Amino acid sequence: MDKQTVERALLATGKLPHEMLRTLLRAYGREDEQVLVGPRVGEDATAVQLREDVVVAGMDPITFATEEIGWYVVHVNANDVAVMGAAPRWFLVTFLLPEGETTAADVERMFAQVAHACQEVGAVLVGGHTEVSYGLPRPLAIGVMLGEVSSQRLVRTGGARPGDVVILARGVPIEGTAIIARERREDLLARGVSDALIRRAADFLHDPGISVVKAARLAVEVAPVHAMHDPTEGGLITGLWELAEASGVGLRVDLDAVPVLEEGRVLCDLFGLDPLATIASGALLIAVAQEHGERLVAALEDAGIPARVIGRVTSREEGRIALRHGKEWPLQPQAVDEIVKIF
């Protein structure tokens, strides 16, 4: 049987064939001196030799996007580690794949995406699980990223203090815009959206990109950051509320000052979505003492990362207030992300 026929053959329900998994791990794994037990057929866990630093772990699934699911799952999890001040180091992933639809070529593409994304954030694939499962409508990926940071530089989402300024790095909704363009391309064309705009929006996954690792790493180098958070489901509005809730503080934020990317505004308007409540991976919220705010914004801008102050942290008693459309509103989390409407 030729290679092309093998790659297109549908995989049976259950674990991947051992030889296929062994080949994939050899092709897309990388060595790391601290990894004592890495991804191998027959190994169910990884073992990592620790130094003096703190280990940070984050876990997130990918359930919406399918086209670059392996790339997505690395970056979303790397973001969660980076906002705690840590450098992403070791990654584990579980792929659950639909029966009767998954080929060997599909699986290799996912592994290649994981390897490429790990290289981008400075991590290595160290383990996980892959199987073809009954009853799934589309591939699912669940990732776990481990990172390292010194105990003195550990950052918490719950570290914001009254008097801090809140900085937004980049605009919104980066991930939401990419998802709409990729999942609803034909619908958008039928609605009169230009092919050029759709292609630009779809590429938001990479440019400006959903990774906040660079921005987060720069922030902790430049200033004594009190808190960071990457808004995801529920968009920027929910991300702001989560930062305040985790910190036990109030917040006063000017949503009219938030940069909404033009492609995102166009696509959200077509589907009746609020761009500030649409999945917002790629944006980064930073809380820092006011005296460091201007310097941090300037450093981010110098590195090619758009940034601006959009609010300030207040006492819990002062409440969580959003200025929007010239009026004050209570800042409340979104029960369901707006992106669900397109599915």
C-alpha atoms as a PDB file:
ATOM      1  CA  MET A   1       0.000   0.000   0.000  1.00  0.00           C
ATOM      2  CA  ASP A   2       1.488   3.382  -0.987  1.00  0.00           C
ATOM      3  CA  LYS A   3       2.093   6.205   1.508  1.00  0.00           C
ATOM      4  CA  GLN A   4      -0.782   8.357   0.228  1.00  0.00           C
ATOM      5  CA  THR A   5      -3.275   5.499   0.635  1.00  0.00           C
ATOM      6  CA  VAL A   6      -2.044   4.835   4.181  1.00  0.00           C
ATOM      7  CA  GLU A   7      -2.344   8.492   5.153  1.00  0.00           C
ATOM      8  CA  ARG A   8      -5.941   8.699   3.885  1.00  0.00           C
ATOM      9  CA  ALA A   9      -7.129   5.466   5.509  1.00  0.00           C
ATOM     10  CA  LEU A  10      -9.596   6.065   8.348  1.00  0.00           C
ATOM     11  CA  LEU A  11      -8.407   5.068  11.804  1.00  0.00           C
ATOM     12  CA  ALA A  12     -10.279   2.565  13.938  1.00  0.00           C
ATOM     13  CA  THR A  13     -11.838   3.443  17.286  1.00  0.00           C
ATOM     14  CA  GLY A  14      -9.453   3.239  20.238  1.00  0.00           C
ATOM     15  CA  LYS A  15      -5.794   4.033  20.802  1.00  0.00           C
ATOM     16  CA  LEU A  16      -3.553   4.915  17.890  1.00  0.00           C
ATOM     17  CA  PRO A  17      -1.530   2.002  16.486  1.00  0.00           C
ATOM     18  CA  HIS A  18       1.677   1.744  18.523  1.00  0.00           C
ATOM     19  CA  GLU A  19       3.988   2.014  15.543  1.00  0.00           C
ATOM     20  CA  MET A  20       2.213   5.154  14.309  1.00  0.00           C
ATOM     21  CA  LEU A  21       2.458   6.773  17.757  1.00  0.00           C
ATOM     22  CA  ARG A  22       6.109   5.773  18.086  1.00  0.00           C
ATOM     23  CA  THR A  23       6.882   7.309  14.692  1.00  0.00           C
ATOM     24  CA  LEU A  24       5.069  10.553  15.547  1.00  0.00           C
ATOM     25  CA  LEU A  25       6.825  10.940  18.888  1.00  0.00           C
ATOM     26  CA  ARG A  26      10.215  10.377  17.270  1.00  0.00           C
ATOM     27  CA  ALA A  27       9.453  12.913  14.556  1.00  0.00           C
ATOM     28  CA  TYR A  28       7.979  15.681  16.718  1.00  0.00           C
ATOM     29  CA  GLY A  29       9.542  15.197  20.145  1.00  0.00           C
ATOM     30  CA  ARG A  30      12.590  17.152  21.354  1.00  0.00           C
ATOM     31  CA  GLU A  31      15.180  16.421  24.018  1.00  0.00           C
ATOM     32  CA  ASP A  32      15.293  18.410  27.280  1.00  0.00           C
ATOM     33  CA  GLU A  33      17.901  17.793  29.948  1.00  0.00           C
ATOM     34  CA  GLN A  34      15.390  18.145  32.796  1.00  0.00           C
ATOM     35  CA  VAL A  35      12.951  15.590  31.348  1.00  0.00           C
ATOM     36  CA  LEU A  36      13.791  12.221  32.914  1.00  0.00           C
ATOM     37  CA  VAL A  37      10.841  10.335  31.394  1.00  0.00           C
ATOM     38  CA  GLY A  38       9.514  11.753  28.147  1.00  0.00           C
ATOM     39  CA  PRO A  39       6.760  10.832  25.687  1.00  0.00           C
ATOM     40  CA  ARG A  40       7.161   7.162  24.772  1.00  0.00           C
ATOM     41  CA  VAL A  41       4.863   4.300  23.870  1.00  0.00           C
ATOM     42  CA  GLY A  42       3.973   2.529  27.110  1.00  0.00           C
ATOM     43  CA  GLU A  43       4.733   5.488  29.391  1.00  0.00           C
ATOM     44  CA  ASP A  44       1.626   6.999  31.004  1.00  0.00           C
ATOM     45  CA  ALA A  45       3.234  10.022  32.658  1.00  0.00           C
ATOM     46  CA  THR A  46       6.253  12.287  32.439  1.00  0.00           C
ATOM     47  CA  ALA A  47       8.970  12.948  35.017  1.00  0.00           C
ATOM     48  CA  VAL A  48      10.788  16.293  35.239  1.00  0.00           C
ATOM     49  CA  GLN A  49      13.826  17.129  37.360  1.00  0.00           C
ATOM     50  CA  LEU A  50      13.159  20.385  39.199  1.00  0.00           C
ATOM     51  CA  ARG A  51      15.607  23.105  40.170  1.00  0.00           C
ATOM     52  CA  GLU A  52      14.995  25.755  42.822  1.00  0.00           C
ATOM     53  CA  ASP A  53      12.167  27.409  40.910  1.00  0.00           C
ATOM     54  CA  VAL A  54       8.391  27.213  41.249  1.00  0.00           C
ATOM     55  CA  VAL A  55       6.532  24.974  38.804  1.00  0.00           C
ATOM     56  CA  VAL A  56       3.435  26.563  37.290  1.00  0.00           C
ATOM     57  CA  ALA A  57       0.810  24.392  35.565  1.00  0.00           C
ATOM     58  CA  GLY A  58      -2.144  25.343  33.375  1.00  0.00           C
ATOM     59  CA  MET A  59      -4.737  23.189  31.595  1.00  0.00           C
ATOM     60  CA  ASP A  60      -7.231  24.187  28.896  1.00  0.00           C
ATOM     61  CA  PRO A  61      -9.208  22.379  26.178  1.00  0.00           C
ATOM     62  CA  ILE A  62      -9.876  23.404  22.595  1.00  0.00           C
ATOM     63  CA  THR A  63     -13.472  22.626  21.626  1.00  0.00           C
ATOM     64  CA  PHE A  64     -14.413  25.216  18.978  1.00  0.00           C
ATOM     65  CA  ALA A  65     -11.597  25.565  16.452  1.00  0.00           C
ATOM     66  CA  THR A  66     -10.480  22.493  14.508  1.00  0.00           C
ATOM     67  CA  GLU A  67      -8.346  23.663  11.583  1.00  0.00           C
ATOM     68  CA  GLU A  68      -5.188  24.335  13.647  1.00  0.00           C
ATOM     69  CA  ILE A  69      -6.197  22.583  16.822  1.00  0.00           C
ATOM     70  CA  GLY A  70      -2.677  21.411  17.718  1.00  0.00           C
ATOM     71  CA  TRP A  71      -1.238  24.901  17.360  1.00  0.00           C
ATOM     72  CA  TYR A  72      -4.140  26.400  19.291  1.00  0.00           C
ATOM     73  CA  VAL A  73      -3.935  24.081  22.271  1.00  0.00           C
ATOM     74  CA  VAL A  74      -0.262  24.863  22.888  1.00  0.00           C
ATOM     75  CA  HIS A  75      -0.629  28.638  22.764  1.00  0.00           C
ATOM     76  CA  VAL A  76      -3.761  28.828  24.910  1.00  0.00           C
ATOM     77  CA  ASN A  77      -2.044  26.827  27.641  1.00  0.00           C
ATOM     78  CA  ALA A  78       1.269  28.655  27.284  1.00  0.00           C
ATOM     79  CA  ASN A  79      -0.614  31.908  27.864  1.00  0.00           C
ATOM     80  CA  ASP A  80      -1.975  30.661  31.181  1.00  0.00           C
ATOM     81  CA  VAL A  81       1.537  29.865  32.380  1.00  0.00           C
ATOM     82  CA  ALA A  82       3.096  33.077  31.055  1.00  0.00           C
ATOM     83  CA  VAL A  83       0.622  35.352  32.869  1.00  0.00           C
ATOM     84  CA  MET A  84       1.950  33.930  36.136  1.00  0.00           C
ATOM     85  CA  GLY A  85       5.389  35.213  35.198  1.00  0.00           C
ATOM     86  CA  ALA A  86       6.649  31.761  34.202  1.00  0.00           C
ATOM     87  CA  ALA A  87       8.485  30.556  31.110  1.00  0.00           C
ATOM     88  CA  PRO A  88       6.556  27.731  29.367  1.00  0.00           C
ATOM     89  CA  ARG A  89       8.706  24.571  29.422  1.00  0.00           C
ATOM     90  CA  TRP A  90       6.872  21.236  29.213  1.00  0.00           C
ATOM     91  CA  PHE A  91       3.631  20.361  27.424  1.00  0.00           C
ATOM     92  CA  LEU A  92       1.234  17.416  27.578  1.00  0.00           C
ATOM     93  CA  VAL A  93      -1.732  17.001  25.239  1.00  0.00           C
ATOM     94  CA  THR A  94      -4.710  14.671  24.863  1.00  0.00           C
ATOM     95  CA  PHE A  95      -6.337  14.378  21.431  1.00  0.00           C
ATOM     96  CA  LEU A  96      -9.798  12.785  21.215  1.00  0.00           C
ATOM     97  CA  LEU A  97     -10.594  12.151  17.550  1.00  0.00           C
ATOM     98  CA  PRO A  98     -13.896  11.272  15.836  1.00  0.00           C
ATOM     99  CA  GLU A  99     -14.439   7.703  14.688  1.00  0.00           C
ATOM    100  CA  GLY A 100     -14.912   7.200  10.961  1.00  0.00           C
ATOM    101  CA  GLU A 101     -13.411  10.568  10.034  1.00  0.00           C
ATOM    102  CA  THR A 102      -9.806  10.565  11.256  1.00  0.00           C
ATOM    103  CA  THR A 103      -6.852   9.599   9.064  1.00  0.00           C
ATOM    104  CA  ALA A 104      -3.181   9.085   9.814  1.00  0.00           C
ATOM    105  CA  ALA A 105      -2.456  12.299   7.882  1.00  0.00           C
ATOM    106  CA  ASP A 106      -4.867  14.189  10.175  1.00  0.00           C
ATOM    107  CA  VAL A 107      -3.035  12.978  13.274  1.00  0.00           C
ATOM    108  CA  GLU A 108       0.409  13.777  11.878  1.00  0.00           C
ATOM    109  CA  ARG A 109      -0.757  17.303  11.035  1.00  0.00           C
ATOM    110  CA  MET A 110      -1.904  17.817  14.629  1.00  0.00           C
ATOM    111  CA  PHE A 111       1.396  16.562  16.023  1.00  0.00           C
ATOM    112  CA  ALA A 112       3.310  18.836  13.648  1.00  0.00           C
ATOM    113  CA  GLN A 113       1.212  21.793  14.806  1.00  0.00           C
ATOM    114  CA  VAL A 114       1.974  20.982  18.443  1.00  0.00           C
ATOM    115  CA  ALA A 115       5.702  20.695  17.737  1.00  0.00           C
ATOM    116  CA  HIS A 116       5.783  23.993  15.829  1.00  0.00           C
ATOM    117  CA  ALA A 117       3.857  25.867  18.527  1.00  0.00           C
ATOM    118  CA  CYS A 118       5.999  24.406  21.324  1.00  0.00           C
ATOM    119  CA  GLN A 119       9.093  25.627  19.527  1.00  0.00           C
ATOM    120  CA  GLU A 120       7.563  29.117  19.258  1.00  0.00           C
ATOM    121  CA  VAL A 121       6.977  29.411  23.016  1.00  0.00           C
ATOM    122  CA  GLY A 122      10.137  27.604  24.134  1.00  0.00           C
ATOM    123  CA  ALA A 123       8.454  24.418  25.394  1.00  0.00           C
ATOM    124  CA  VAL A 124       8.808  20.722  24.585  1.00  0.00           C
ATOM    125  CA  LEU A 125       6.190  18.006  24.225  1.00  0.00           C
ATOM    126  CA  VAL A 126       6.668  15.533  27.087  1.00  0.00           C
ATOM    127  CA  GLY A 127       3.565  13.356  27.074  1.00  0.00           C
ATOM    128  CA  GLY A 128      -0.170  12.962  26.669  1.00  0.00           C
ATOM    129  CA  HIS A 129      -2.736  10.618  25.163  1.00  0.00           C
ATOM    130  CA  THR A 130      -4.325  10.177  21.737  1.00  0.00           C
ATOM    131  CA  GLU A 131      -7.296   8.039  20.746  1.00  0.00           C
ATOM    132  CA  VAL A 132     -10.097   7.733  18.222  1.00  0.00           C
ATOM    133  CA  SER A 133     -13.386   7.934  20.132  1.00  0.00           C
ATOM    134  CA  TYR A 134     -16.986   7.043  19.390  1.00  0.00           C
ATOM    135  CA  GLY A 135     -19.652   9.756  19.120  1.00  0.00           C
ATOM    136  CA  LEU A 136     -17.496  12.855  18.688  1.00  0.00           C
ATOM    137  CA  PRO A 137     -18.627  15.476  16.127  1.00  0.00           C
ATOM    138  CA  ARG A 138     -15.113  16.958  15.767  1.00  0.00           C
ATOM    139  CA  PRO A 139     -11.599  16.624  17.211  1.00  0.00           C
ATOM    140  CA  LEU A 140     -11.051  17.749  20.800  1.00  0.00           C
ATOM    141  CA  ALA A 141      -7.736  18.667  22.400  1.00  0.00           C
ATOM    142  CA  ILE A 142      -6.893  19.096  26.076  1.00  0.00           C
ATOM    143  CA  GLY A 143      -3.493  20.502  26.961  1.00  0.00           C
ATOM    144  CA  VAL A 144      -1.418  20.884  30.098  1.00  0.00           C
ATOM    145  CA  MET A 145       1.510  23.315  30.107  1.00  0.00           C
ATOM    146  CA  LEU A 146       4.129  23.357  32.845  1.00  0.00           C
ATOM    147  CA  GLY A 147       6.416  26.323  33.360  1.00  0.00           C
ATOM    148  CA  GLU A 148       9.171  27.603  35.661  1.00  0.00           C
ATOM    149  CA  VAL A 149       9.527  30.857  37.558  1.00  0.00           C
ATOM    150  CA  SER A 150      11.478  31.951  40.621  1.00  0.00           C
ATOM    151  CA  SER A 151       9.322  32.301  43.714  1.00  0.00           C
ATOM    152  CA  GLN A 152      10.226  36.001  43.902  1.00  0.00           C
ATOM    153  CA  ARG A 153       8.813  36.680  40.422  1.00  0.00           C
ATOM    154  CA  LEU A 154       5.644  34.603  40.604  1.00  0.00           C
ATOM    155  CA  VAL A 155       2.640  36.673  39.438  1.00  0.00           C
ATOM    156  CA  ARG A 156      -0.964  35.963  40.378  1.00  0.00           C
ATOM    157  CA  THR A 157      -4.166  37.024  38.660  1.00  0.00           C
ATOM    158  CA  GLY A 158      -5.299  37.829  42.202  1.00  0.00           C
ATOM    159  CA  GLY A 159      -2.473  40.246  42.916  1.00  0.00           C
ATOM    160  CA  ALA A 160      -4.004  43.554  41.775  1.00  0.00           C
ATOM    161  CA  ARG A 161      -3.990  46.322  44.403  1.00  0.00           C
ATOM    162  CA  PRO A 162      -6.055  49.508  44.803  1.00  0.00           C
ATOM    163  CA  GLY A 163      -4.206  52.324  43.081  1.00  0.00           C
ATOM    164  CA  ASP A 164      -2.845  50.116  40.297  1.00  0.00           C
ATOM    165  CA  VAL A 165      -3.461  51.029  36.683  1.00  0.00           C
ATOM    166  CA  VAL A 166      -4.831  48.371  34.331  1.00  0.00           C
ATOM    167  CA  ILE A 167      -2.991  48.100  31.026  1.00  0.00           C
ATOM    168  CA  LEU A 168      -4.393  46.325  27.970  1.00  0.00           C
ATOM    169  CA  ALA A 169      -1.765  44.948  25.621  1.00  0.00           C
ATOM    170  CA  ARG A 170      -3.083  44.575  22.049  1.00  0.00           C
ATOM    171  CA  GLY A 171      -6.701  44.810  20.914  1.00  0.00           C
ATOM    172  CA  VAL A 172      -9.801  42.593  20.873  1.00  0.00           C
ATOM    173  CA  PRO A 173     -11.187  40.178  19.878  1.00  0.00           C
ATOM    174  CA  ILE A 174      -8.160  38.519  18.262  1.00  0.00           C
ATOM    175  CA  GLU A 175      -9.133  34.870  18.717  1.00  0.00           C
ATOM    176  CA  GLY A 176     -12.831  35.510  18.133  1.00  0.00           C
ATOM    177  CA  THR A 177     -12.118  37.230  14.827  1.00  0.00           C
ATOM    178  CA  ALA A 178      -9.978  34.313  13.629  1.00  0.00           C
ATOM    179  CA  ILE A 179     -12.605  31.751  14.642  1.00  0.00           C
ATOM    180  CA  ILE A 180     -15.417  33.549  12.821  1.00  0.00           C
ATOM    181  CA  ALA A 181     -13.343  33.898   9.635  1.00  0.00           C
ATOM    182  CA  ARG A 182     -12.199  30.278   9.685  1.00  0.00           C
ATOM    183  CA  GLU A 183     -15.477  28.634  10.688  1.00  0.00           C
ATOM    184  CA  ARG A 184     -17.894  30.810   8.678  1.00  0.00           C
ATOM    185  CA  ARG A 185     -15.941  31.677   5.527  1.00  0.00           C
ATOM    186  CA  GLU A 186     -18.675  30.727   3.020  1.00  0.00           C
ATOM    187  CA  ASP A 187     -21.338  32.491   5.054  1.00  0.00           C
ATOM    188  CA  LEU A 188     -19.223  35.647   5.163  1.00  0.00           C
ATOM    189  CA  LEU A 189     -18.653  35.584   1.401  1.00  0.00           C
ATOM    190  CA  ALA A 190     -22.395  35.198   0.877  1.00  0.00           C
ATOM    191  CA  ARG A 191     -22.948  38.245   3.090  1.00  0.00           C
ATOM    192  CA  GLY A 192     -20.673  40.328   0.889  1.00  0.00           C
ATOM    193  CA  VAL A 193     -17.505  40.339   2.985  1.00  0.00           C
ATOM    194  CA  SER A 194     -14.412  40.591   0.795  1.00  0.00           C
ATOM    195  CA  ASP A 195     -12.090  37.634   0.450  1.00  0.00           C
ATOM    196  CA  ALA A 196      -9.169  39.885   1.453  1.00  0.00           C
ATOM    197  CA  LEU A 197     -10.804  40.861   4.754  1.00  0.00           C
ATOM    198  CA  ILE A 198     -11.686  37.241   5.531  1.00  0.00           C
ATOM    199  CA  ARG A 199      -8.102  36.141   4.880  1.00  0.00           C
ATOM    200  CA  ARG A 200      -6.729  38.909   7.103  1.00  0.00           C
ATOM    201  CA  ALA A 201      -9.160  37.991   9.858  1.00  0.00           C
ATOM    202  CA  ALA A 202      -8.396  34.276   9.599  1.00  0.00           C
ATOM    203  CA  ASP A 203      -4.698  35.055   9.932  1.00  0.00           C
ATOM    204  CA  PHE A 204      -5.322  36.821  13.270  1.00  0.00           C
ATOM    205  CA  LEU A 205      -4.468  33.433  14.766  1.00  0.00           C
ATOM    206  CA  HIS A 206      -0.856  34.208  13.794  1.00  0.00           C
ATOM    207  CA  ASP A 207      -0.818  37.976  13.176  1.00  0.00           C
ATOM    208  CA  PRO A 208      -1.230  39.627  15.631  1.00  0.00           C
ATOM    209  CA  GLY A 209      -1.513  36.109  17.075  1.00  0.00           C
ATOM    210  CA  ILE A 210      -3.165  34.607  20.149  1.00  0.00           C
ATOM    211  CA  SER A 211       0.069  34.185  22.122  1.00  0.00           C
ATOM    212  CA  VAL A 212       0.721  36.623  24.977  1.00  0.00           C
ATOM    213  CA  VAL A 213       3.966  34.948  26.030  1.00  0.00           C
ATOM    214  CA  LYS A 214       6.201  37.674  24.580  1.00  0.00           C
ATOM    215  CA  ALA A 215       4.175  40.486  26.155  1.00  0.00           C
ATOM    216  CA  ALA A 216       3.958  38.768  29.538  1.00  0.00           C
ATOM    217  CA  ARG A 217       7.662  37.928  29.640  1.00  0.00           C
ATOM    218  CA  LEU A 218       8.540  41.518  28.720  1.00  0.00           C
ATOM    219  CA  ALA A 219       6.185  42.947  31.341  1.00  0.00           C
ATOM    220  CA  VAL A 220       7.830  41.096  34.225  1.00  0.00           C
ATOM    221  CA  GLU A 221      11.263  42.136  32.988  1.00  0.00           C
ATOM    222  CA  VAL A 222      10.330  45.834  32.864  1.00  0.00           C
ATOM    223  CA  ALA A 223       8.244  46.386  36.002  1.00  0.00           C
ATOM    224  CA  PRO A 224       7.189  44.746  39.307  1.00  0.00           C
ATOM    225  CA  VAL A 225       3.884  43.464  37.940  1.00  0.00           C
ATOM    226  CA  HIS A 226       1.165  42.843  40.524  1.00  0.00           C
ATOM    227  CA  ALA A 227      -1.253  40.848  38.346  1.00  0.00           C
ATOM    228  CA  MET A 228      -1.725  39.580  34.805  1.00  0.00           C
ATOM    229  CA  HIS A 229      -4.616  37.858  33.081  1.00  0.00           C
ATOM    230  CA  ASP A 230      -5.336  36.742  29.526  1.00  0.00           C
ATOM    231  CA  PRO A 231      -9.041  37.180  28.781  1.00  0.00           C
ATOM    232  CA  THR A 232     -10.467  34.189  26.922  1.00  0.00           C
ATOM    233  CA  GLU A 233     -14.062  32.913  27.116  1.00  0.00           C
ATOM    234  CA  GLY A 234     -16.458  35.749  27.836  1.00  0.00           C
ATOM    235  CA  GLY A 235     -14.121  38.236  26.222  1.00  0.00           C
ATOM    236  CA  LEU A 236     -12.423  41.281  27.681  1.00  0.00           C
ATOM    237  CA  ILE A 237     -15.399  42.156  29.888  1.00  0.00           C
ATOM    238  CA  THR A 238     -15.264  38.806  31.664  1.00  0.00           C
ATOM    239  CA  GLY A 239     -11.459  38.943  31.842  1.00  0.00           C
ATOM    240  CA  LEU A 240     -11.584  42.290  33.635  1.00  0.00           C
ATOM    241  CA  TRP A 241     -14.180  41.008  36.092  1.00  0.00           C
ATOM    242  CA  GLU A 242     -12.117  37.840  36.719  1.00  0.00           C
ATOM    243  CA  LEU A 243      -9.016  39.900  37.503  1.00  0.00           C
ATOM    244  CA  ALA A 244     -10.989  42.015  39.984  1.00  0.00           C
ATOM    245  CA  GLU A 245     -12.732  39.000  41.515  1.00  0.00           C
ATOM    246  CA  ALA A 246      -9.514  37.035  41.968  1.00  0.00           C
ATOM    247  CA  SER A 247      -7.884  40.085  43.594  1.00  0.00           C
ATOM    248  CA  GLY A 248     -10.852  40.980  45.799  1.00  0.00           C
ATOM    249  CA  VAL A 249     -10.817  44.573  44.538  1.00  0.00           C
ATOM    250  CA  GLY A 250     -12.961  47.101  42.728  1.00  0.00           C
ATOM    251  CA  LEU A 251     -12.333  48.309  39.211  1.00  0.00           C
ATOM    252  CA  ARG A 252     -13.122  51.354  37.155  1.00  0.00           C
ATOM    253  CA  VAL A 253     -12.525  50.754  33.456  1.00  0.00           C
ATOM    254  CA  ASP A 254     -13.159  52.785  30.313  1.00  0.00           C
ATOM    255  CA  LEU A 255     -14.446  50.294  27.745  1.00  0.00           C
ATOM    256  CA  ASP A 256     -14.766  53.093  25.195  1.00  0.00           C
ATOM    257  CA  ALA A 257     -10.960  53.301  25.254  1.00  0.00           C
ATOM    258  CA  VAL A 258     -10.514  49.645  24.305  1.00  0.00           C
ATOM    259  CA  PRO A 259      -9.101  49.186  20.773  1.00  0.00           C
ATOM    260  CA  VAL A 260     -11.475  46.945  18.827  1.00  0.00           C
ATOM    261  CA  LEU A 261      -9.703  45.650  15.732  1.00  0.00           C
ATOM    262  CA  GLU A 262     -11.522  46.708  12.576  1.00  0.00           C
ATOM    263  CA  GLU A 263     -11.822  43.209  11.114  1.00  0.00           C
ATOM    264  CA  GLY A 264     -13.200  42.007  14.428  1.00  0.00           C
ATOM    265  CA  ARG A 265     -15.742  44.801  14.543  1.00  0.00           C
ATOM    266  CA  VAL A 266     -16.978  44.013  11.019  1.00  0.00           C
ATOM    267  CA  LEU A 267     -17.351  40.263  11.605  1.00  0.00           C
ATOM    268  CA  CYS A 268     -18.909  40.640  15.054  1.00  0.00           C
ATOM    269  CA  ASP A 269     -21.444  43.155  13.720  1.00  0.00           C
ATOM    270  CA  LEU A 270     -22.513  40.730  10.974  1.00  0.00           C
ATOM    271  CA  PHE A 271     -23.384  38.040  13.518  1.00  0.00           C
ATOM    272  CA  GLY A 272     -24.675  40.387  16.212  1.00  0.00           C
ATOM    273  CA  LEU A 273     -21.793  39.726  18.600  1.00  0.00           C
ATOM    274  CA  ASP A 274     -20.409  42.116  21.194  1.00  0.00           C
ATOM    275  CA  PRO A 275     -16.652  42.276  20.402  1.00  0.00           C
ATOM    276  CA  LEU A 276     -15.869  43.013  24.055  1.00  0.00           C
ATOM    277  CA  ALA A 277     -17.626  39.807  25.133  1.00  0.00           C
ATOM    278  CA  THR A 278     -16.181  37.596  22.370  1.00  0.00           C
ATOM    279  CA  ILE A 279     -13.350  35.164  23.087  1.00  0.00           C
ATOM    280  CA  ALA A 280     -10.292  37.370  23.390  1.00  0.00           C
ATOM    281  CA  SER A 281      -7.124  35.254  23.510  1.00  0.00           C
ATOM    282  CA  GLY A 282      -4.246  37.382  22.260  1.00  0.00           C
ATOM    283  CA  ALA A 283      -4.997  40.286  24.598  1.00  0.00           C
ATOM    284  CA  LEU A 284      -3.238  40.701  27.936  1.00  0.00           C
ATOM    285  CA  LEU A 285      -4.360  42.561  31.062  1.00  0.00           C
ATOM    286  CA  ILE A 286      -1.626  43.851  33.374  1.00  0.00           C
ATOM    287  CA  ALA A 287      -2.069  45.503  36.773  1.00  0.00           C
ATOM    288  CA  VAL A 288       0.898  47.535  37.943  1.00  0.00           C
ATOM    289  CA  ALA A 289       1.512  50.406  40.342  1.00  0.00           C
ATOM    290  CA  GLN A 290       0.678  53.734  38.744  1.00  0.00           C
ATOM    291  CA  GLU A 291       4.281  54.954  38.887  1.00  0.00           C
ATOM    292  CA  HIS A 292       5.353  52.070  36.621  1.00  0.00           C
ATOM    293  CA  GLY A 293       2.444  52.275  34.171  1.00  0.00           C
ATOM    294  CA  GLU A 294       3.861  54.777  31.706  1.00  0.00           C
ATOM    295  CA  ARG A 295       7.221  53.009  31.530  1.00  0.00           C
ATOM    296  CA  LEU A 296       5.595  49.623  30.936  1.00  0.00           C
ATOM    297  CA  VAL A 297       3.315  50.952  28.187  1.00  0.00           C
ATOM    298  CA  ALA A 298       6.330  52.539  26.486  1.00  0.00           C
ATOM    299  CA  ALA A 299       8.341  49.295  26.702  1.00  0.00           C
ATOM    300  CA  LEU A 300       5.513  47.275  25.178  1.00  0.00           C
ATOM    301  CA  GLU A 301       5.045  49.821  22.391  1.00  0.00           C
ATOM    302  CA  ASP A 302       8.789  49.828  21.688  1.00  0.00           C
ATOM    303  CA  ALA A 303       8.601  46.054  21.267  1.00  0.00           C
ATOM    304  CA  GLY A 304       5.820  46.430  18.704  1.00  0.00           C
ATOM    305  CA  ILE A 305       3.040  45.478  21.130  1.00  0.00           C
ATOM    306  CA  PRO A 306       0.208  48.045  21.221  1.00  0.00           C
ATOM    307  CA  ALA A 307      -0.655  48.966  24.821  1.00  0.00           C
ATOM    308  CA  ARG A 308      -2.692  51.507  26.719  1.00  0.00           C
ATOM    309  CA  VAL A 309      -4.081  52.179  30.180  1.00  0.00           C
ATOM    310  CA  ILE A 310      -7.815  51.409  30.203  1.00  0.00           C
ATOM    311  CA  GLY A 311      -8.654  51.595  33.886  1.00  0.00           C
ATOM    312  CA  ARG A 312      -7.584  51.619  37.503  1.00  0.00           C
ATOM    313  CA  VAL A 313      -7.985  49.324  40.464  1.00  0.00           C
ATOM    314  CA  THR A 314     -10.114  50.621  43.343  1.00  0.00           C
ATOM    315  CA  SER A 315     -11.233  49.272  46.693  1.00  0.00           C
ATOM    316  CA  ARG A 316     -13.842  46.524  46.659  1.00  0.00           C
ATOM    317  CA  GLU A 317     -16.286  48.891  48.362  1.00  0.00           C
ATOM    318  CA  GLU A 318     -16.148  51.230  45.361  1.00  0.00           C
ATOM    319  CA  GLY A 319     -17.486  48.449  43.156  1.00  0.00           C
ATOM    320  CA  ARG A 320     -16.655  47.354  39.630  1.00  0.00           C
ATOM    321  CA  ILE A 321     -17.718  49.986  37.168  1.00  0.00           C
ATOM    322  CA  ALA A 322     -17.455  50.101  33.376  1.00  0.00           C
ATOM    323  CA  LEU A 323     -17.766  53.322  31.393  1.00  0.00           C
ATOM    324  CA  ARG A 324     -19.368  52.396  28.082  1.00  0.00           C
ATOM    325  CA  HIS A 325     -21.118  54.501  25.463  1.00  0.00           C
ATOM    326  CA  GLY A 326     -20.670  57.472  27.773  1.00  0.00           C
ATOM    327  CA  LYS A 327     -22.564  55.855  30.659  1.00  0.00           C
ATOM    328  CA  GLU A 328     -21.546  53.941  33.778  1.00  0.00           C
ATOM    329  CA  TRP A 329     -22.560  50.278  34.012  1.00  0.00           C
ATOM    330  CA  PRO A 330     -21.858  47.528  36.556  1.00  0.00           C
ATOM    331  CA  LEU A 331     -19.028  45.330  35.280  1.00  0.00           C
ATOM    332  CA  GLN A 332     -20.448  41.799  35.123  1.00  0.00           C
ATOM    333  CA  PRO A 333     -19.059  38.542  33.693  1.00  0.00           C
ATOM    334  CA  GLN A 334     -20.716  37.064  30.610  1.00  0.00           C
ATOM    335  CA  ALA A 335     -22.586  33.809  31.251  1.00  0.00           C
ATOM    336  CA  VAL A 336     -21.849  32.536  27.720  1.00  0.00           C
ATOM    337  CA  ASP A 337     -19.226  33.698  25.253  1.00  0.00           C
ATOM    338  CA  GLU A 338     -20.643  35.536  22.254  1.00  0.00           C
ATOM    339  CA  ILE A 339     -18.790  33.220  19.846  1.00  0.00           C
ATOM    340  CA  VAL A 340     -21.273  30.441  20.694  1.00  0.00           C
ATOM    341  CA  LYS A 341     -23.855  32.261  18.561  1.00  0.00           C
ATOM    342  CA  ILE A 342     -22.035  31.366  15.327  1.00  0.00           C
ATOM    343  CA  PHE A 343     -22.183  27.647  16.141  1.00  0.00           C
END
